[in-house]
Amino acid sequence: MDSFIQKGVTLKGVLHVKGVVLVEGRVEGEVFAADHLIVGESGNILGNVQAGYLTNRGTIQGDVSAGNKVVLVEKSHLTGDISAFQLVVEEGSVFDGRCKMLSKPTYQPKPETSEPELTAKPAAPKNGTQAKPAPAGKPASDTAAGNKANNKDKPKDPSASGVGNFFRQLFSG
C-alpha cells in the first residue's frame, strides 16, 4: 500500500494519488487514482472517481470511471454511473446507477519491480522458551526464491498481488 487515508480524516477538494491507495476516511471532491484505489469499509467518497482499478468496500456517491476493473464488495454502496472494462458486483452490495462497459481496458498495471515482499515473521518465543528448529528439507529462503522464480513469468494484476491478497485477508470476515 502506497497511501492511506485513515478513519476520522476528511479531505475536501481534488485528490490525485498514485500506487495502491486505501481510503478509510471521507473524501469530498474528485479523486484521480493513477493505479488501484481501495475504499475501505469505513471509507466514504462524495464525488466522482477515476482510477485504473477500483475496489469498493465502503460508500461512493458519484460517477466512477475505471480503466480496467471495478469490484463492488459485499455490503458496499455505490450511487452513480460506472464506466469500466470489467465489473464485479458481489452479492449483498448496492449499486444504483447505470453501467457502460468498455470494449478494451485503457489501464494496464505496471510491472511490480520495487514492491516489498509481504512475508510473515515468526513470533518471538514467550516466557524464555526456546524456538523450535525449522523442519528438515528446503530452507525457507530456497522455497521463497523458488516461488518467486515460478511467478516471474505470470502477468501482474493488482487484485492478485501480495498487497491485494493482504487486503483480501484483512477485510474478509
N, C-alpha and C. Protein backbone atom coordinates (compact mmCIF):
# COMPACT_ATOMS: atom_id res chain seq x y z
N MET A 1 0.85 -1.15 0.00
CA MET A 1 0.00 0.00 0.00
C MET A 1 0.90 1.22 0.00
N ASP A 2 0.60 2.14 -0.89
CA ASP A 2 1.42 3.34 -1.02
C ASP A 2 0.88 4.51 -0.20
N SER A 3 -0.43 4.62 -0.06
CA SER A 3 -1.04 5.72 0.69
C SER A 3 -2.24 5.21 1.47
N PHE A 4 -2.54 5.92 2.57
CA PHE A 4 -3.63 5.51 3.45
C PHE A 4 -4.30 6.76 4.02
N ILE A 5 -5.61 6.84 3.87
CA ILE A 5 -6.39 7.92 4.47
C ILE A 5 -7.22 7.25 5.56
N GLN A 6 -6.84 7.49 6.80
CA GLN A 6 -7.44 6.74 7.90
C GLN A 6 -8.81 7.25 8.31
N LYS A 7 -9.51 6.40 9.03
CA LYS A 7 -10.84 6.71 9.55
C LYS A 7 -10.74 7.96 10.41
N GLY A 8 -11.71 8.85 10.27
CA GLY A 8 -11.72 10.09 11.03
C GLY A 8 -11.11 11.27 10.28
N VAL A 9 -10.44 11.02 9.17
CA VAL A 9 -9.85 12.08 8.36
C VAL A 9 -10.82 12.46 7.25
N THR A 10 -11.02 13.77 7.03
CA THR A 10 -11.86 14.25 5.95
C THR A 10 -11.01 15.13 5.04
N LEU A 11 -10.98 14.80 3.76
CA LEU A 11 -10.28 15.60 2.76
C LEU A 11 -11.32 16.25 1.87
N LYS A 12 -11.13 17.56 1.59
CA LYS A 12 -12.04 18.28 0.69
C LYS A 12 -11.23 18.86 -0.44
N GLY A 13 -11.73 18.65 -1.68
CA GLY A 13 -11.03 19.17 -2.85
C GLY A 13 -10.77 18.08 -3.85
N VAL A 14 -9.76 18.30 -4.68
CA VAL A 14 -9.38 17.34 -5.72
C VAL A 14 -8.17 16.56 -5.22
N LEU A 15 -8.26 15.23 -5.28
CA LEU A 15 -7.20 14.36 -4.79
C LEU A 15 -6.60 13.59 -5.96
N HIS A 16 -5.28 13.72 -6.14
CA HIS A 16 -4.53 12.95 -7.14
C HIS A 16 -3.60 12.01 -6.40
N VAL A 17 -3.70 10.70 -6.67
CA VAL A 17 -2.87 9.72 -5.97
C VAL A 17 -2.31 8.70 -6.96
N LYS A 18 -1.16 8.11 -6.58
CA LYS A 18 -0.53 7.05 -7.37
C LYS A 18 -0.34 5.83 -6.48
N GLY A 19 -0.22 4.68 -7.12
CA GLY A 19 0.02 3.45 -6.38
C GLY A 19 -1.26 2.89 -5.79
N VAL A 20 -1.09 1.98 -4.83
CA VAL A 20 -2.23 1.37 -4.14
C VAL A 20 -2.62 2.30 -2.99
N VAL A 21 -3.87 2.75 -3.00
CA VAL A 21 -4.35 3.73 -2.02
C VAL A 21 -5.57 3.17 -1.31
N LEU A 22 -5.55 3.22 0.03
CA LEU A 22 -6.67 2.76 0.84
C LEU A 22 -7.31 3.98 1.51
N VAL A 23 -8.62 4.13 1.29
CA VAL A 23 -9.38 5.23 1.89
C VAL A 23 -10.30 4.63 2.94
N GLU A 24 -10.03 4.93 4.21
CA GLU A 24 -10.92 4.54 5.31
C GLU A 24 -11.64 5.77 5.86
N GLY A 25 -11.20 6.97 5.47
CA GLY A 25 -11.82 8.22 5.91
C GLY A 25 -12.84 8.71 4.90
N ARG A 26 -13.02 10.04 4.86
CA ARG A 26 -14.02 10.65 3.97
C ARG A 26 -13.31 11.59 3.00
N VAL A 27 -13.69 11.50 1.73
CA VAL A 27 -13.18 12.40 0.70
C VAL A 27 -14.38 13.09 0.07
N GLU A 28 -14.36 14.42 0.08
CA GLU A 28 -15.42 15.21 -0.54
C GLU A 28 -14.80 15.95 -1.72
N GLY A 29 -15.02 15.45 -2.91
CA GLY A 29 -14.45 16.03 -4.12
C GLY A 29 -14.02 14.93 -5.06
N GLU A 30 -13.38 15.33 -6.14
CA GLU A 30 -12.96 14.37 -7.16
C GLU A 30 -11.71 13.63 -6.73
N VAL A 31 -11.63 12.33 -7.12
CA VAL A 31 -10.48 11.50 -6.82
C VAL A 31 -9.94 10.97 -8.14
N PHE A 32 -8.65 11.21 -8.40
CA PHE A 32 -7.96 10.69 -9.57
C PHE A 32 -6.86 9.76 -9.07
N ALA A 33 -7.07 8.46 -9.22
CA ALA A 33 -6.11 7.46 -8.76
C ALA A 33 -5.45 6.83 -9.98
N ALA A 34 -4.15 7.01 -10.10
CA ALA A 34 -3.42 6.51 -11.26
C ALA A 34 -3.43 4.98 -11.32
N ASP A 35 -3.54 4.32 -10.18
CA ASP A 35 -3.45 2.86 -10.15
C ASP A 35 -4.66 2.24 -9.45
N HIS A 36 -4.48 1.65 -8.28
CA HIS A 36 -5.53 0.90 -7.59
C HIS A 36 -6.04 1.69 -6.39
N LEU A 37 -7.32 2.02 -6.40
CA LEU A 37 -7.97 2.72 -5.29
C LEU A 37 -8.86 1.73 -4.56
N ILE A 38 -8.67 1.65 -3.24
CA ILE A 38 -9.48 0.77 -2.40
C ILE A 38 -10.23 1.65 -1.41
N VAL A 39 -11.55 1.57 -1.44
CA VAL A 39 -12.37 2.28 -0.47
C VAL A 39 -12.72 1.25 0.60
N GLY A 40 -12.20 1.47 1.82
CA GLY A 40 -12.41 0.53 2.91
C GLY A 40 -13.82 0.59 3.45
N GLU A 41 -14.12 -0.31 4.40
CA GLU A 41 -15.47 -0.42 4.95
C GLU A 41 -15.96 0.88 5.56
N SER A 42 -15.07 1.65 6.17
CA SER A 42 -15.49 2.93 6.76
C SER A 42 -15.24 4.09 5.79
N GLY A 43 -14.74 3.78 4.60
CA GLY A 43 -14.44 4.82 3.61
C GLY A 43 -15.69 5.39 2.97
N ASN A 44 -15.64 6.70 2.67
CA ASN A 44 -16.79 7.37 2.09
C ASN A 44 -16.26 8.42 1.11
N ILE A 45 -16.64 8.29 -0.15
CA ILE A 45 -16.24 9.27 -1.17
C ILE A 45 -17.50 9.93 -1.71
N LEU A 46 -17.53 11.26 -1.61
CA LEU A 46 -18.64 12.05 -2.13
C LEU A 46 -18.08 12.87 -3.29
N GLY A 47 -18.14 12.28 -4.50
CA GLY A 47 -17.58 12.92 -5.68
C GLY A 47 -17.22 11.87 -6.71
N ASN A 48 -16.86 12.34 -7.89
CA ASN A 48 -16.52 11.42 -8.98
C ASN A 48 -15.14 10.81 -8.76
N VAL A 49 -14.99 9.57 -9.24
CA VAL A 49 -13.75 8.82 -9.07
C VAL A 49 -13.25 8.34 -10.43
N GLN A 50 -11.96 8.51 -10.67
CA GLN A 50 -11.32 7.96 -11.87
C GLN A 50 -10.12 7.17 -11.38
N ALA A 51 -10.04 5.88 -11.78
CA ALA A 51 -8.95 5.01 -11.31
C ALA A 51 -8.65 3.95 -12.36
N GLY A 52 -7.48 3.33 -12.23
CA GLY A 52 -7.15 2.18 -13.06
C GLY A 52 -7.98 0.99 -12.61
N TYR A 53 -7.89 0.69 -11.32
CA TYR A 53 -8.68 -0.36 -10.66
C TYR A 53 -9.39 0.29 -9.48
N LEU A 54 -10.60 -0.15 -9.18
CA LEU A 54 -11.32 0.34 -8.01
C LEU A 54 -11.92 -0.85 -7.27
N THR A 55 -11.64 -0.93 -5.99
CA THR A 55 -12.28 -1.91 -5.12
C THR A 55 -13.05 -1.12 -4.08
N ASN A 56 -14.38 -1.29 -4.05
CA ASN A 56 -15.22 -0.56 -3.11
C ASN A 56 -15.76 -1.49 -2.04
N ARG A 57 -15.41 -1.20 -0.79
CA ARG A 57 -15.94 -1.90 0.37
C ARG A 57 -16.78 -0.96 1.22
N GLY A 58 -16.79 0.34 0.87
CA GLY A 58 -17.48 1.35 1.64
C GLY A 58 -18.60 1.99 0.86
N THR A 59 -18.59 3.35 0.80
CA THR A 59 -19.66 4.10 0.14
C THR A 59 -19.07 5.11 -0.83
N ILE A 60 -19.60 5.12 -2.04
CA ILE A 60 -19.22 6.12 -3.05
C ILE A 60 -20.52 6.73 -3.58
N GLN A 61 -20.56 8.07 -3.59
CA GLN A 61 -21.68 8.79 -4.19
C GLN A 61 -21.07 9.66 -5.28
N GLY A 62 -21.12 9.17 -6.50
CA GLY A 62 -20.55 9.87 -7.63
C GLY A 62 -20.27 8.89 -8.74
N ASP A 63 -19.98 9.41 -9.91
CA ASP A 63 -19.69 8.56 -11.07
C ASP A 63 -18.29 7.98 -10.95
N VAL A 64 -18.14 6.75 -11.44
CA VAL A 64 -16.87 6.03 -11.38
C VAL A 64 -16.43 5.68 -12.78
N SER A 65 -15.18 5.98 -13.09
CA SER A 65 -14.58 5.59 -14.36
C SER A 65 -13.30 4.83 -14.06
N ALA A 66 -13.23 3.57 -14.51
CA ALA A 66 -12.05 2.75 -14.27
C ALA A 66 -11.49 2.28 -15.60
N GLY A 67 -10.20 2.40 -15.76
CA GLY A 67 -9.55 1.97 -16.99
C GLY A 67 -9.54 0.46 -17.14
N ASN A 68 -9.76 -0.26 -16.04
CA ASN A 68 -9.79 -1.70 -16.13
C ASN A 68 -10.97 -2.28 -15.34
N LYS A 69 -10.85 -2.43 -14.03
CA LYS A 69 -11.85 -3.19 -13.28
C LYS A 69 -12.41 -2.40 -12.11
N VAL A 70 -13.72 -2.61 -11.86
CA VAL A 70 -14.40 -2.11 -10.67
C VAL A 70 -14.95 -3.33 -9.94
N VAL A 71 -14.66 -3.42 -8.65
CA VAL A 71 -15.17 -4.51 -7.82
C VAL A 71 -15.99 -3.89 -6.70
N LEU A 72 -17.27 -4.26 -6.63
CA LEU A 72 -18.16 -3.82 -5.56
C LEU A 72 -18.32 -4.99 -4.60
N VAL A 73 -17.69 -4.87 -3.45
CA VAL A 73 -17.63 -5.95 -2.48
C VAL A 73 -18.91 -5.96 -1.65
N GLU A 74 -19.25 -7.12 -1.10
CA GLU A 74 -20.43 -7.28 -0.26
C GLU A 74 -20.52 -6.14 0.76
N LYS A 75 -21.70 -5.60 0.94
CA LYS A 75 -22.04 -4.51 1.87
C LYS A 75 -21.55 -3.13 1.40
N SER A 76 -20.98 -3.04 0.22
CA SER A 76 -20.57 -1.73 -0.29
C SER A 76 -21.77 -1.03 -0.93
N HIS A 77 -21.65 0.30 -1.09
CA HIS A 77 -22.71 1.10 -1.70
C HIS A 77 -22.09 2.00 -2.76
N LEU A 78 -22.69 2.03 -3.93
CA LEU A 78 -22.25 2.95 -4.97
C LEU A 78 -23.49 3.55 -5.62
N THR A 79 -23.60 4.87 -5.53
CA THR A 79 -24.69 5.59 -6.17
C THR A 79 -24.07 6.46 -7.24
N GLY A 80 -24.24 6.10 -8.49
CA GLY A 80 -23.64 6.82 -9.61
C GLY A 80 -23.41 5.87 -10.77
N ASP A 81 -22.99 6.42 -11.87
CA ASP A 81 -22.75 5.62 -13.08
C ASP A 81 -21.33 5.07 -13.07
N ILE A 82 -21.17 3.90 -13.70
CA ILE A 82 -19.87 3.24 -13.79
C ILE A 82 -19.49 3.09 -15.25
N SER A 83 -18.23 3.35 -15.56
CA SER A 83 -17.65 3.08 -16.86
C SER A 83 -16.39 2.26 -16.60
N ALA A 84 -16.36 1.01 -17.11
CA ALA A 84 -15.22 0.12 -16.83
C ALA A 84 -15.14 -0.98 -17.87
N PHE A 85 -13.97 -1.61 -17.96
CA PHE A 85 -13.79 -2.77 -18.84
C PHE A 85 -14.37 -4.02 -18.18
N GLN A 86 -14.17 -4.16 -16.86
CA GLN A 86 -14.70 -5.29 -16.12
C GLN A 86 -15.45 -4.77 -14.90
N LEU A 87 -16.54 -5.43 -14.55
CA LEU A 87 -17.32 -5.06 -13.37
C LEU A 87 -17.66 -6.33 -12.60
N VAL A 88 -17.33 -6.33 -11.31
CA VAL A 88 -17.68 -7.43 -10.42
C VAL A 88 -18.57 -6.85 -9.34
N VAL A 89 -19.80 -7.37 -9.26
CA VAL A 89 -20.76 -6.93 -8.25
C VAL A 89 -21.06 -8.14 -7.36
N GLU A 90 -20.53 -8.11 -6.14
CA GLU A 90 -20.75 -9.23 -5.23
C GLU A 90 -22.15 -9.16 -4.63
N GLU A 91 -22.67 -10.32 -4.29
CA GLU A 91 -23.98 -10.41 -3.63
C GLU A 91 -23.93 -9.62 -2.33
N GLY A 92 -24.96 -8.80 -2.10
CA GLY A 92 -25.02 -8.01 -0.88
C GLY A 92 -24.51 -6.59 -1.05
N SER A 93 -23.95 -6.27 -2.21
CA SER A 93 -23.54 -4.89 -2.48
C SER A 93 -24.73 -4.14 -3.08
N VAL A 94 -24.68 -2.80 -2.99
CA VAL A 94 -25.77 -1.98 -3.51
C VAL A 94 -25.19 -1.08 -4.60
N PHE A 95 -25.79 -1.14 -5.79
CA PHE A 95 -25.37 -0.31 -6.92
C PHE A 95 -26.61 0.34 -7.49
N ASP A 96 -26.65 1.68 -7.47
CA ASP A 96 -27.78 2.43 -8.01
C ASP A 96 -27.24 3.37 -9.08
N GLY A 97 -27.35 2.96 -10.32
CA GLY A 97 -26.84 3.77 -11.42
C GLY A 97 -26.83 2.97 -12.71
N ARG A 98 -26.16 3.52 -13.70
CA ARG A 98 -26.02 2.84 -14.99
C ARG A 98 -24.58 2.41 -15.16
N CYS A 99 -24.39 1.45 -16.05
CA CYS A 99 -23.04 0.95 -16.30
C CYS A 99 -22.76 0.92 -17.80
N LYS A 100 -21.59 1.43 -18.17
CA LYS A 100 -21.13 1.36 -19.54
C LYS A 100 -19.85 0.52 -19.55
N MET A 101 -19.88 -0.57 -20.32
CA MET A 101 -18.72 -1.45 -20.39
C MET A 101 -17.80 -1.02 -21.53
N LEU A 102 -16.52 -0.87 -21.24
CA LEU A 102 -15.53 -0.50 -22.25
C LEU A 102 -15.20 -1.72 -23.11
N SER A 103 -14.87 -1.52 -24.37
CA SER A 103 -14.56 -2.63 -25.26
C SER A 103 -13.16 -3.19 -25.04
N LYS A 104 -12.28 -2.39 -24.44
CA LYS A 104 -10.93 -2.86 -24.10
C LYS A 104 -10.43 -2.04 -22.91
N PRO A 105 -9.51 -2.62 -22.13
CA PRO A 105 -9.01 -1.86 -20.97
C PRO A 105 -8.16 -0.67 -21.43
N THR A 106 -8.28 0.42 -20.71
CA THR A 106 -7.46 1.59 -21.01
C THR A 106 -6.35 1.76 -19.98
N TYR A 107 -6.29 0.83 -19.01
CA TYR A 107 -5.26 0.86 -17.97
C TYR A 107 -4.65 -0.52 -17.86
N GLN A 108 -3.33 -0.58 -17.86
CA GLN A 108 -2.60 -1.83 -17.63
C GLN A 108 -1.69 -1.59 -16.44
N PRO A 109 -1.67 -2.52 -15.49
CA PRO A 109 -0.81 -2.33 -14.32
C PRO A 109 0.66 -2.33 -14.72
N LYS A 110 1.44 -1.56 -13.98
CA LYS A 110 2.89 -1.51 -14.20
C LYS A 110 3.52 -2.75 -13.59
N PRO A 111 4.63 -3.22 -14.15
CA PRO A 111 5.30 -4.37 -13.54
C PRO A 111 5.70 -4.01 -12.11
N GLU A 112 5.50 -4.96 -11.21
CA GLU A 112 5.84 -4.73 -9.80
C GLU A 112 7.31 -5.04 -9.58
N THR A 113 8.15 -4.02 -9.70
CA THR A 113 9.58 -4.25 -9.55
C THR A 113 10.09 -3.86 -8.18
N SER A 114 9.48 -2.85 -7.55
CA SER A 114 10.03 -2.38 -6.29
C SER A 114 9.10 -2.62 -5.10
N GLU A 115 8.02 -3.36 -5.28
CA GLU A 115 7.09 -3.61 -4.18
C GLU A 115 7.74 -4.58 -3.20
N PRO A 116 7.78 -4.23 -1.91
CA PRO A 116 8.38 -5.14 -0.92
C PRO A 116 7.54 -6.39 -0.75
N GLU A 117 8.20 -7.47 -0.44
CA GLU A 117 7.51 -8.73 -0.18
C GLU A 117 6.77 -8.63 1.14
N LEU A 118 5.54 -9.12 1.21
CA LEU A 118 4.79 -9.16 2.45
C LEU A 118 4.93 -10.56 3.02
N THR A 119 5.90 -10.74 3.90
CA THR A 119 6.14 -12.06 4.48
C THR A 119 5.92 -11.98 5.97
N ALA A 120 5.38 -13.03 6.51
CA ALA A 120 5.15 -13.08 7.96
C ALA A 120 6.45 -13.43 8.66
N LYS A 121 6.73 -12.74 9.76
CA LYS A 121 7.90 -13.04 10.57
C LYS A 121 7.45 -13.97 11.69
N PRO A 122 8.32 -14.92 12.07
CA PRO A 122 7.93 -15.82 13.16
C PRO A 122 7.78 -15.03 14.46
N ALA A 123 6.83 -15.45 15.27
CA ALA A 123 6.60 -14.78 16.55
C ALA A 123 7.76 -15.06 17.49
N ALA A 124 8.07 -14.09 18.34
CA ALA A 124 9.14 -14.26 19.32
C ALA A 124 8.69 -15.26 20.38
N PRO A 125 9.63 -16.10 20.88
CA PRO A 125 9.26 -17.06 21.92
C PRO A 125 8.79 -16.33 23.18
N LYS A 126 7.81 -16.91 23.87
CA LYS A 126 7.28 -16.32 25.10
C LYS A 126 7.88 -17.01 26.31
N ASN A 127 7.99 -16.27 27.40
CA ASN A 127 8.43 -16.79 28.69
C ASN A 127 9.77 -17.49 28.63
N GLY A 128 10.67 -17.02 27.78
CA GLY A 128 12.03 -17.56 27.73
C GLY A 128 12.14 -18.94 27.14
N THR A 129 11.11 -19.46 26.49
CA THR A 129 11.20 -20.79 25.89
C THR A 129 12.01 -20.72 24.61
N GLN A 130 12.55 -21.83 24.25
CA GLN A 130 13.36 -21.92 23.04
C GLN A 130 12.46 -22.06 21.82
N ALA A 131 12.84 -21.40 20.72
CA ALA A 131 12.10 -21.55 19.47
C ALA A 131 12.41 -22.92 18.88
N LYS A 132 11.42 -23.54 18.27
CA LYS A 132 11.62 -24.85 17.64
C LYS A 132 12.41 -24.69 16.37
N PRO A 133 13.35 -25.61 16.08
CA PRO A 133 14.10 -25.52 14.83
C PRO A 133 13.20 -25.78 13.64
N ALA A 134 13.62 -25.25 12.49
CA ALA A 134 12.85 -25.44 11.26
C ALA A 134 12.88 -26.91 10.87
N PRO A 135 11.80 -27.43 10.27
CA PRO A 135 11.78 -28.83 9.85
C PRO A 135 12.82 -29.08 8.77
N ALA A 136 13.27 -30.34 8.71
CA ALA A 136 14.25 -30.71 7.70
C ALA A 136 13.67 -30.55 6.31
N GLY A 137 14.51 -30.31 5.36
CA GLY A 137 14.06 -30.10 3.98
C GLY A 137 14.66 -28.82 3.45
N LYS A 138 13.96 -28.21 2.52
CA LYS A 138 14.46 -26.98 1.93
C LYS A 138 14.37 -25.84 2.93
N PRO A 139 15.41 -25.00 3.02
CA PRO A 139 15.31 -23.80 3.84
C PRO A 139 14.21 -22.88 3.29
N ALA A 140 13.62 -22.08 4.19
CA ALA A 140 12.53 -21.18 3.79
C ALA A 140 12.97 -20.23 2.68
N SER A 141 14.24 -19.79 2.71
CA SER A 141 14.71 -18.86 1.69
C SER A 141 14.73 -19.52 0.32
N ASP A 142 15.07 -20.83 0.26
CA ASP A 142 15.06 -21.53 -1.02
C ASP A 142 13.64 -21.65 -1.56
N THR A 143 12.71 -21.96 -0.68
CA THR A 143 11.32 -22.10 -1.10
C THR A 143 10.77 -20.77 -1.62
N ALA A 144 11.02 -19.68 -0.90
CA ALA A 144 10.54 -18.37 -1.34
C ALA A 144 11.17 -17.99 -2.66
N ALA A 145 12.47 -18.28 -2.82
CA ALA A 145 13.14 -17.94 -4.09
C ALA A 145 12.56 -18.77 -5.23
N GLY A 146 12.24 -20.04 -4.94
CA GLY A 146 11.64 -20.88 -5.97
C GLY A 146 10.27 -20.39 -6.37
N ASN A 147 9.47 -19.98 -5.38
CA ASN A 147 8.15 -19.44 -5.70
C ASN A 147 8.26 -18.17 -6.50
N LYS A 148 9.22 -17.31 -6.16
CA LYS A 148 9.40 -16.05 -6.88
C LYS A 148 9.80 -16.34 -8.32
N ALA A 149 10.69 -17.33 -8.52
CA ALA A 149 11.14 -17.66 -9.87
C ALA A 149 9.98 -18.21 -10.69
N ASN A 150 9.13 -19.03 -10.06
CA ASN A 150 8.00 -19.60 -10.78
C ASN A 150 6.98 -18.55 -11.16
N ASN A 151 6.86 -17.47 -10.39
CA ASN A 151 5.85 -16.45 -10.63
C ASN A 151 6.31 -15.32 -11.51
N LYS A 152 7.59 -15.27 -11.87
CA LYS A 152 8.08 -14.09 -12.60
C LYS A 152 7.53 -13.99 -14.01
N ASP A 153 7.10 -15.10 -14.61
CA ASP A 153 6.58 -15.04 -15.97
C ASP A 153 5.07 -14.83 -16.01
N LYS A 154 4.40 -14.84 -14.86
CA LYS A 154 2.95 -14.65 -14.83
C LYS A 154 2.63 -13.18 -14.94
N PRO A 155 1.53 -12.81 -15.62
CA PRO A 155 1.16 -11.40 -15.71
C PRO A 155 0.78 -10.87 -14.34
N LYS A 156 1.09 -9.60 -14.11
CA LYS A 156 0.81 -8.96 -12.83
C LYS A 156 -0.57 -8.32 -12.88
N ASP A 157 -1.35 -8.55 -11.85
CA ASP A 157 -2.69 -7.98 -11.70
C ASP A 157 -2.77 -7.47 -10.27
N PRO A 158 -3.03 -6.16 -10.06
CA PRO A 158 -3.07 -5.64 -8.69
C PRO A 158 -4.02 -6.41 -7.79
N SER A 159 -5.09 -6.95 -8.34
CA SER A 159 -6.03 -7.67 -7.49
C SER A 159 -5.46 -9.01 -7.06
N ALA A 160 -4.34 -9.47 -7.69
CA ALA A 160 -3.72 -10.73 -7.32
C ALA A 160 -2.36 -10.52 -6.68
N SER A 161 -1.96 -9.29 -6.41
CA SER A 161 -0.65 -9.01 -5.84
C SER A 161 -0.61 -9.35 -4.37
N GLY A 162 0.58 -9.32 -3.80
CA GLY A 162 0.74 -9.53 -2.38
C GLY A 162 -0.07 -8.53 -1.59
N VAL A 163 -0.08 -7.29 -2.03
CA VAL A 163 -0.85 -6.26 -1.35
C VAL A 163 -2.33 -6.57 -1.47
N GLY A 164 -2.78 -6.98 -2.67
CA GLY A 164 -4.18 -7.33 -2.86
C GLY A 164 -4.58 -8.49 -1.95
N ASN A 165 -3.72 -9.53 -1.88
CA ASN A 165 -4.01 -10.66 -1.01
C ASN A 165 -4.05 -10.22 0.45
N PHE A 166 -3.13 -9.34 0.83
CA PHE A 166 -3.11 -8.81 2.18
C PHE A 166 -4.44 -8.16 2.53
N PHE A 167 -4.97 -7.31 1.62
CA PHE A 167 -6.21 -6.62 1.89
C PHE A 167 -7.40 -7.58 1.86
N ARG A 168 -7.37 -8.58 0.96
CA ARG A 168 -8.45 -9.55 0.95
C ARG A 168 -8.52 -10.28 2.30
N GLN A 169 -7.34 -10.68 2.84
CA GLN A 169 -7.32 -11.36 4.13
C GLN A 169 -7.73 -10.40 5.24
N LEU A 170 -7.29 -9.16 5.16
CA LEU A 170 -7.58 -8.19 6.20
C LEU A 170 -9.07 -7.89 6.28
N PHE A 171 -9.73 -7.76 5.12
CA PHE A 171 -11.13 -7.35 5.09
C PHE A 171 -12.11 -8.50 5.04
N SER A 172 -11.64 -9.73 4.79
CA SER A 172 -12.59 -10.84 4.73
C SER A 172 -12.97 -11.23 6.16
N GLY A 173 -14.23 -11.47 6.34
CA GLY A 173 -14.76 -11.72 7.69
C GLY A 173 -14.67 -13.13 8.03
